Amino acid sequence: MAIVAAGASIGKEGAPRELGALFGGSLSKGLHLFISDRQLLIACGVLVQG
């Protein structure tokens, strides 16, 4: 989200991917997952939103 807030041009599909990654990261942190599981959940969040 910081990239979008800074005004970077990432296209119309960039913002939903950022939100998916943000949601996946927050969820994995709340569930206290291992780093490898966190990375997988963040990647899934990017794919679902993208």
PDB file of N, CA and C in Angstrom:
ATOM      1  N   MET A   1       0.811  -1.185   0.000  1.00  0.00           N
ATOM      2  CA  MET A   1       0.000   0.000   0.000  1.00  0.00           C
ATOM      3  C   MET A   1       0.862   1.259   0.000  1.00  0.00           C
ATOM      4  N   ALA A   2       2.034   1.178   0.554  1.00  0.00           N
ATOM      5  CA  ALA A   2       2.902   2.360   0.585  1.00  0.00           C
ATOM      6  C   ALA A   2       3.288   2.787  -0.820  1.00  0.00           C
ATOM      7  N   ILE A   3       3.436   1.827  -1.719  1.00  0.00           N
ATOM      8  CA  ILE A   3       3.791   2.156  -3.096  1.00  0.00           C
ATOM      9  C   ILE A   3       2.670   2.956  -3.749  1.00  0.00           C
ATOM     10  N   VAL A   4       1.438   2.516  -3.549  1.00  0.00           N
ATOM     11  CA  VAL A   4       0.285   3.210  -4.116  1.00  0.00           C
ATOM     12  C   VAL A   4       0.148   4.589  -3.487  1.00  0.00           C
ATOM     13  N   ALA A   5       0.321   4.671  -2.170  1.00  0.00           N
ATOM     14  CA  ALA A   5       0.208   5.953  -1.473  1.00  0.00           C
ATOM     15  C   ALA A   5       1.283   6.934  -1.925  1.00  0.00           C
ATOM     16  N   ALA A   6       2.436   6.424  -2.327  1.00  0.00           N
ATOM     17  CA  ALA A   6       3.518   7.290  -2.794  1.00  0.00           C
ATOM     18  C   ALA A   6       3.287   7.773  -4.215  1.00  0.00           C
ATOM     19  N   GLY A   7       2.271   7.218  -4.886  1.00  0.00           N
ATOM     20  CA  GLY A   7       1.941   7.679  -6.221  1.00  0.00           C
ATOM     21  C   GLY A   7       2.558   6.881  -7.350  1.00  0.00           C
ATOM     22  N   ALA A   8       3.089   5.709  -7.045  1.00  0.00           N
ATOM     23  CA  ALA A   8       3.694   4.887  -8.093  1.00  0.00           C
ATOM     24  C   ALA A   8       2.613   4.359  -9.032  1.00  0.00           C
ATOM     25  N   SER A   9       2.928   4.305 -10.299  1.00  0.00           N
ATOM     26  CA  SER A   9       1.995   3.787 -11.285  1.00  0.00           C
ATOM     27  C   SER A   9       2.212   2.286 -11.413  1.00  0.00           C
ATOM     28  N   ILE A  10       1.298   1.499 -10.864  1.00  0.00           N
ATOM     29  CA  ILE A  10       1.449   0.048 -10.916  1.00  0.00           C
ATOM     30  C   ILE A  10       0.284  -0.614 -11.645  1.00  0.00           C
ATOM     31  N   GLY A  11      -0.572   0.177 -12.259  1.00  0.00           N
ATOM     32  CA  GLY A  11      -1.685  -0.373 -13.015  1.00  0.00           C
ATOM     33  C   GLY A  11      -2.879  -0.693 -12.142  1.00  0.00           C
ATOM     34  N   LYS A  12      -3.994  -0.984 -12.814  1.00  0.00           N
ATOM     35  CA  LYS A  12      -5.233  -1.220 -12.072  1.00  0.00           C
ATOM     36  C   LYS A  12      -5.251  -2.555 -11.337  1.00  0.00           C
ATOM     37  N   GLU A  13      -4.408  -3.505 -11.730  1.00  0.00           N
ATOM     38  CA  GLU A  13      -4.387  -4.791 -11.037  1.00  0.00           C
ATOM     39  C   GLU A  13      -3.401  -4.811  -9.870  1.00  0.00           C
ATOM     40  N   GLY A  14      -2.615  -3.790  -9.702  1.00  0.00           N
ATOM     41  CA  GLY A  14      -1.622  -3.755  -8.628  1.00  0.00           C
ATOM     42  C   GLY A  14      -2.215  -3.563  -7.249  1.00  0.00           C
ATOM     43  N   ALA A  15      -3.183  -2.679  -7.122  1.00  0.00           N
ATOM     44  CA  ALA A  15      -3.764  -2.378  -5.807  1.00  0.00           C
ATOM     45  C   ALA A  15      -4.469  -3.587  -5.185  1.00  0.00           C
ATOM     46  N   PRO A  16      -5.285  -4.344  -5.926  1.00  0.00           N
ATOM     47  CA  PRO A  16      -5.895  -5.528  -5.305  1.00  0.00           C
ATOM     48  C   PRO A  16      -4.868  -6.567  -4.863  1.00  0.00           C
ATOM     49  N   ARG A  17      -3.782  -6.692  -5.592  1.00  0.00           N
ATOM     50  CA  ARG A  17      -2.728  -7.628  -5.179  1.00  0.00           C
ATOM     51  C   ARG A  17      -2.073  -7.172  -3.895  1.00  0.00           C
ATOM     52  N   GLU A  18      -1.875  -5.880  -3.770  1.00  0.00           N
ATOM     53  CA  GLU A  18      -1.307  -5.332  -2.531  1.00  0.00           C
ATOM     54  C   GLU A  18      -2.236  -5.619  -1.353  1.00  0.00           C
ATOM     55  N   LEU A  19      -3.524  -5.434  -1.553  1.00  0.00           N
ATOM     56  CA  LEU A  19      -4.488  -5.686  -0.487  1.00  0.00           C
ATOM     57  C   LEU A  19      -4.536  -7.170  -0.121  1.00  0.00           C
ATOM     58  N   GLY A  20      -4.450  -8.042  -1.122  1.00  0.00           N
ATOM     59  CA  GLY A  20      -4.428  -9.477  -0.854  1.00  0.00           C
ATOM     60  C   GLY A  20      -3.212  -9.884  -0.049  1.00  0.00           C
ATOM     61  N   ALA A  21      -2.066  -9.323  -0.400  1.00  0.00           N
ATOM     62  CA  ALA A  21      -0.837  -9.610   0.336  1.00  0.00           C
ATOM     63  C   ALA A  21      -0.925  -9.069   1.763  1.00  0.00           C
ATOM     64  N   LEU A  22      -1.492  -7.891   1.909  1.00  0.00           N
ATOM     65  CA  LEU A  22      -1.652  -7.289   3.232  1.00  0.00           C
ATOM     66  C   LEU A  22      -2.564  -8.143   4.111  1.00  0.00           C
ATOM     67  N   PHE A  23      -3.674  -8.595   3.557  1.00  0.00           N
ATOM     68  CA  PHE A  23      -4.605  -9.438   4.303  1.00  0.00           C
ATOM     69  C   PHE A  23      -3.956 -10.772   4.670  1.00  0.00           C
ATOM     70  N   GLY A  24      -3.267 -11.384   3.716  1.00  0.00           N
ATOM     71  CA  GLY A  24      -2.591 -12.653   3.989  1.00  0.00           C
ATOM     72  C   GLY A  24      -1.524 -12.512   5.055  1.00  0.00           C
ATOM     73  N   GLY A  25      -0.774 -11.421   5.008  1.00  0.00           N
ATOM     74  CA  GLY A  25       0.264 -11.179   6.011  1.00  0.00           C
ATOM     75  C   GLY A  25      -0.312 -10.955   7.396  1.00  0.00           C
ATOM     76  N   SER A  26      -1.388 -10.189   7.458  1.00  0.00           N
ATOM     77  CA  SER A  26      -2.029  -9.927   8.754  1.00  0.00           C
ATOM     78  C   SER A  26      -2.630 -11.193   9.346  1.00  0.00           C
ATOM     79  N   LEU A  27      -3.274 -11.993   8.495  1.00  0.00           N
ATOM     80  CA  LEU A  27      -3.872 -13.234   8.967  1.00  0.00           C
ATOM     81  C   LEU A  27      -2.809 -14.207   9.464  1.00  0.00           C
ATOM     82  N   SER A  28      -1.723 -14.331   8.719  1.00  0.00           N
ATOM     83  CA  SER A  28      -0.665 -15.267   9.127  1.00  0.00           C
ATOM     84  C   SER A  28       0.017 -14.818  10.411  1.00  0.00           C
ATOM     85  N   LYS A  29       0.140 -13.521  10.584  1.00  0.00           N
ATOM     86  CA  LYS A  29       0.743 -13.011  11.819  1.00  0.00           C
ATOM     87  C   LYS A  29      -0.181 -13.284  13.011  1.00  0.00           C
ATOM     88  N   GLY A  30      -1.476 -13.102  12.807  1.00  0.00           N
ATOM     89  CA  GLY A  30      -2.449 -13.355  13.866  1.00  0.00           C
ATOM     90  C   GLY A  30      -2.526 -14.821  14.258  1.00  0.00           C
ATOM     91  N   LEU A  31      -2.261 -15.701  13.291  1.00  0.00           N
ATOM     92  CA  LEU A  31      -2.311 -17.142  13.556  1.00  0.00           C
ATOM     93  C   LEU A  31      -0.980 -17.692  14.049  1.00  0.00           C
ATOM     94  N   HIS A  32       0.049 -16.841  14.124  1.00  0.00           N
ATOM     95  CA  HIS A  32       1.380 -17.224  14.599  1.00  0.00           C
ATOM     96  C   HIS A  32       1.959 -18.396  13.791  1.00  0.00           C
ATOM     97  N   LEU A  33       1.915 -18.267  12.472  1.00  0.00           N
ATOM     98  CA  LEU A  33       2.416 -19.326  11.599  1.00  0.00           C
ATOM     99  C   LEU A  33       3.930 -19.231  11.429  1.00  0.00           C
ATOM    100  N   PHE A  34       4.536 -20.341  11.020  1.00  0.00           N
ATOM    101  CA  PHE A  34       5.952 -20.333  10.684  1.00  0.00           C
ATOM    102  C   PHE A  34       6.168 -19.489   9.434  1.00  0.00           C
ATOM    103  N   ILE A  35       7.386 -19.010   9.227  1.00  0.00           N
ATOM    104  CA  ILE A  35       7.679 -18.102   8.124  1.00  0.00           C
ATOM    105  C   ILE A  35       7.355 -18.729   6.765  1.00  0.00           C
ATOM    106  N   SER A  36       7.625 -20.012   6.592  1.00  0.00           N
ATOM    107  CA  SER A  36       7.319 -20.651   5.301  1.00  0.00           C
ATOM    108  C   SER A  36       5.808 -20.683   5.056  1.00  0.00           C
ATOM    109  N   ASP A  37       5.033 -20.905   6.117  1.00  0.00           N
ATOM    110  CA  ASP A  37       3.577 -20.896   5.985  1.00  0.00           C
ATOM    111  C   ASP A  37       3.059 -19.481   5.747  1.00  0.00           C
ATOM    112  N   ARG A  38       3.697 -18.502   6.369  1.00  0.00           N
ATOM    113  CA  ARG A  38       3.316 -17.101   6.145  1.00  0.00           C
ATOM    114  C   ARG A  38       3.531 -16.716   4.688  1.00  0.00           C
ATOM    115  N   GLN A  39       4.675 -17.097   4.141  1.00  0.00           N
ATOM    116  CA  GLN A  39       4.966 -16.769   2.745  1.00  0.00           C
ATOM    117  C   GLN A  39       3.941 -17.397   1.814  1.00  0.00           C
ATOM    118  N   LEU A  40       3.545 -18.621   2.098  1.00  0.00           N
ATOM    119  CA  LEU A  40       2.549 -19.299   1.280  1.00  0.00           C
ATOM    120  C   LEU A  40       1.201 -18.590   1.371  1.00  0.00           C
ATOM    121  N   LEU A  41       0.795 -18.192   2.564  1.00  0.00           N
ATOM    122  CA  LEU A  41      -0.481 -17.519   2.739  1.00  0.00           C
ATOM    123  C   LEU A  41      -0.479 -16.151   2.057  1.00  0.00           C
ATOM    124  N   ILE A  42       0.624 -15.446   2.116  1.00  0.00           N
ATOM    125  CA  ILE A  42       0.723 -14.154   1.440  1.00  0.00           C
ATOM    126  C   ILE A  42       0.643 -14.347  -0.067  1.00  0.00           C
ATOM    127  N   ALA A  43       1.328 -15.356  -0.594  1.00  0.00           N
ATOM    128  CA  ALA A  43       1.282 -15.633  -2.029  1.00  0.00           C
ATOM    129  C   ALA A  43      -0.138 -16.004  -2.461  1.00  0.00           C
ATOM    130  N   CYS A  44      -0.836 -16.773  -1.639  1.00  0.00           N
ATOM    131  CA  CYS A  44      -2.225 -17.134  -1.958  1.00  0.00           C
ATOM    132  C   CYS A  44      -3.108 -15.901  -1.953  1.00  0.00           C
ATOM    133  N   GLY A  45      -2.875 -14.997  -1.024  1.00  0.00           N
ATOM    134  CA  GLY A  45      -3.643 -13.752  -0.977  1.00  0.00           C
ATOM    135  C   GLY A  45      -3.445 -12.911  -2.223  1.00  0.00           C
ATOM    136  N   VAL A  46      -2.241 -12.902  -2.744  1.00  0.00           N
ATOM    137  CA  VAL A  46      -1.952 -12.167  -3.968  1.00  0.00           C
ATOM    138  C   VAL A  46      -2.696 -12.788  -5.147  1.00  0.00           C
ATOM    139  N   LEU A  47      -2.699 -14.100  -5.217  1.00  0.00           N
ATOM    140  CA  LEU A  47      -3.345 -14.784  -6.334  1.00  0.00           C
ATOM    141  C   LEU A  47      -4.863 -14.647  -6.288  1.00  0.00           C
ATOM    142  N   VAL A  48      -5.433 -14.712  -5.108  1.00  0.00           N
ATOM    143  CA  VAL A  48      -6.893 -14.617  -4.983  1.00  0.00           C
ATOM    144  C   VAL A  48      -7.379 -13.232  -5.377  1.00  0.00           C
ATOM    145  N   GLN A  49      -6.676 -12.207  -4.951  1.00  0.00           N
ATOM    146  CA  GLN A  49      -7.087 -10.838  -5.244  1.00  0.00           C
ATOM    147  C   GLN A  49      -6.713 -10.426  -6.670  1.00  0.00           C
ATOM    148  N   GLY A  50      -5.700 -11.063  -7.239  1.00  0.00           N
ATOM    149  CA  GLY A  50      -5.216 -10.661  -8.565  1.00  0.00           C
ATOM    150  C   GLY A  50      -6.019 -11.262  -9.606  1.00  0.00           C
TER     151      GLY A  50
END
